[in-house]
């Protein structure tokens, strides 16, 4: 993890994918004892981890007239 404080006062956290869940899991496990800001951070970490695993990308212009779609019927 790399933590940087910017000149304008913002803080930047840089985490590797493997670091996300070990940070979020204990916070979520003890949610009743945690402050809401920490719970929000755990949710952001979990969402980021999920986003890294989700490889779906919307094809360009899928709703344009004449766009080809794969058939779901057999």
C-alpha atoms as a PDB file:
ATOM      1  CA  UNK A   1       0.000   0.000   0.000  1.00  0.00           C
ATOM      2  CA  UNK A   2       1.213   3.453  -0.850  1.00  0.00           C
ATOM      3  CA  UNK A   3      -0.294   6.499   0.903  1.00  0.00           C
ATOM      4  CA  UNK A   4       0.307   9.988  -0.447  1.00  0.00           C
ATOM      5  CA  UNK A   5      -0.964  13.353   0.773  1.00  0.00           C
ATOM      6  CA  UNK A   6      -1.506  15.843  -2.028  1.00  0.00           C
ATOM      7  CA  UNK A   7      -0.816  19.555  -1.705  1.00  0.00           C
ATOM      8  CA  UNK A   8      -4.533  20.333  -1.600  1.00  0.00           C
ATOM      9  CA  UNK A   9      -4.972  18.066   1.458  1.00  0.00           C
ATOM     10  CA  UNK A  10      -6.443  15.020  -0.301  1.00  0.00           C
ATOM     11  CA  UNK A  11      -5.043  11.590   0.464  1.00  0.00           C
ATOM     12  CA  UNK A  12      -4.359   9.021  -2.251  1.00  0.00           C
ATOM     13  CA  UNK A  13      -4.263   5.309  -1.376  1.00  0.00           C
ATOM     14  CA  UNK A  14      -2.676   2.973  -3.906  1.00  0.00           C
ATOM     15  CA  UNK A  15      -3.392  -0.691  -3.239  1.00  0.00           C
ATOM     16  CA  UNK A  16      -2.632  -3.924  -5.014  1.00  0.00           C
ATOM     17  CA  UNK A  17      -5.566  -6.203  -5.806  1.00  0.00           C
ATOM     18  CA  UNK A  18      -4.391  -8.753  -3.228  1.00  0.00           C
ATOM     19  CA  UNK A  19      -4.518  -6.105  -0.472  1.00  0.00           C
ATOM     20  CA  UNK A  20      -8.185  -5.162  -0.903  1.00  0.00           C
ATOM     21  CA  UNK A  21     -10.011  -8.081   0.697  1.00  0.00           C
ATOM     22  CA  UNK A  22      -7.687  -8.494   3.720  1.00  0.00           C
ATOM     23  CA  UNK A  23      -8.334  -4.828   4.552  1.00  0.00           C
ATOM     24  CA  UNK A  24     -12.092  -4.894   3.979  1.00  0.00           C
ATOM     25  CA  UNK A  25     -12.952  -8.281   5.527  1.00  0.00           C
ATOM     26  CA  UNK A  26     -12.230  -7.467   9.223  1.00  0.00           C
ATOM     27  CA  UNK A  27     -14.046  -4.138   8.964  1.00  0.00           C
ATOM     28  CA  UNK A  28     -17.145  -5.808   7.555  1.00  0.00           C
ATOM     29  CA  UNK A  29     -16.913  -8.659  10.090  1.00  0.00           C
ATOM     30  CA  UNK A  30     -17.057  -6.122  12.944  1.00  0.00           C
ATOM     31  CA  UNK A  31     -19.413  -3.650  11.259  1.00  0.00           C
ATOM     32  CA  UNK A  32     -21.433  -2.974  14.415  1.00  0.00           C
ATOM     33  CA  UNK A  33     -18.286  -1.568  16.070  1.00  0.00           C
ATOM     34  CA  UNK A  34     -17.095   0.549  13.130  1.00  0.00           C
ATOM     35  CA  UNK A  35     -17.708   4.152  12.162  1.00  0.00           C
ATOM     36  CA  UNK A  36     -19.645   4.790   8.965  1.00  0.00           C
ATOM     37  CA  UNK A  37     -16.639   6.309   7.163  1.00  0.00           C
ATOM     38  CA  UNK A  38     -14.641   3.127   7.698  1.00  0.00           C
ATOM     39  CA  UNK A  39     -17.589   1.027   6.520  1.00  0.00           C
ATOM     40  CA  UNK A  40     -17.800   3.191   3.404  1.00  0.00           C
ATOM     41  CA  UNK A  41     -14.099   2.616   2.768  1.00  0.00           C
ATOM     42  CA  UNK A  42     -14.535  -1.153   3.167  1.00  0.00           C
ATOM     43  CA  UNK A  43     -17.422  -1.040   0.685  1.00  0.00           C
ATOM     44  CA  UNK A  44     -15.305   0.922  -1.802  1.00  0.00           C
ATOM     45  CA  UNK A  45     -12.454  -1.585  -1.420  1.00  0.00           C
ATOM     46  CA  UNK A  46     -14.786  -4.521  -1.990  1.00  0.00           C
ATOM     47  CA  UNK A  47     -16.372  -2.820  -5.009  1.00  0.00           C
ATOM     48  CA  UNK A  48     -12.941  -2.086  -6.469  1.00  0.00           C
ATOM     49  CA  UNK A  49     -11.933  -5.707  -6.032  1.00  0.00           C
ATOM     50  CA  UNK A  50     -15.103  -6.885  -7.732  1.00  0.00           C
ATOM     51  CA  UNK A  51     -14.562  -4.422 -10.560  1.00  0.00           C
ATOM     52  CA  UNK A  52     -11.067  -5.793 -11.110  1.00  0.00           C
ATOM     53  CA  UNK A  53     -12.441  -9.330 -11.433  1.00  0.00           C
ATOM     54  CA  UNK A  54     -15.345  -8.372 -13.719  1.00  0.00           C
ATOM     55  CA  UNK A  55     -14.005  -8.470 -17.274  1.00  0.00           C
ATOM     56  CA  UNK A  56     -17.300  -7.629 -19.029  1.00  0.00           C
ATOM     57  CA  UNK A  57     -17.084  -4.669 -21.352  1.00  0.00           C
ATOM     58  CA  UNK A  58     -20.097  -3.303 -23.201  1.00  0.00           C
ATOM     59  CA  UNK A  59     -19.593  -3.646 -26.960  1.00  0.00           C
ATOM     60  CA  UNK A  60     -19.497  -0.329 -28.804  1.00  0.00           C
ATOM     61  CA  UNK A  61     -22.903   0.928 -29.975  1.00  0.00           C
ATOM     62  CA  UNK A  62     -24.967  -2.168 -29.012  1.00  0.00           C
ATOM     63  CA  UNK A  63     -28.310  -0.364 -29.343  1.00  0.00           C
ATOM     64  CA  UNK A  64     -27.733   1.236 -32.727  1.00  0.00           C
ATOM     65  CA  UNK A  65     -30.087   0.229 -35.531  1.00  0.00           C
ATOM     66  CA  UNK A  66     -28.733  -2.809 -37.355  1.00  0.00           C
ATOM     67  CA  UNK A  67     -26.374  -3.857 -34.556  1.00  0.00           C
ATOM     68  CA  UNK A  68     -25.627  -7.582 -34.491  1.00  0.00           C
ATOM     69  CA  UNK A  69     -26.579  -9.447 -31.300  1.00  0.00           C
ATOM     70  CA  UNK A  70     -25.780 -13.026 -30.386  1.00  0.00           C
ATOM     71  CA  UNK A  71     -28.858 -15.239 -30.293  1.00  0.00           C
ATOM     72  CA  UNK A  72     -29.880 -16.604 -26.903  1.00  0.00           C
ATOM     73  CA  UNK A  73     -32.401 -18.986 -28.472  1.00  0.00           C
ATOM     74  CA  UNK A  74     -31.374 -22.386 -29.793  1.00  0.00           C
END
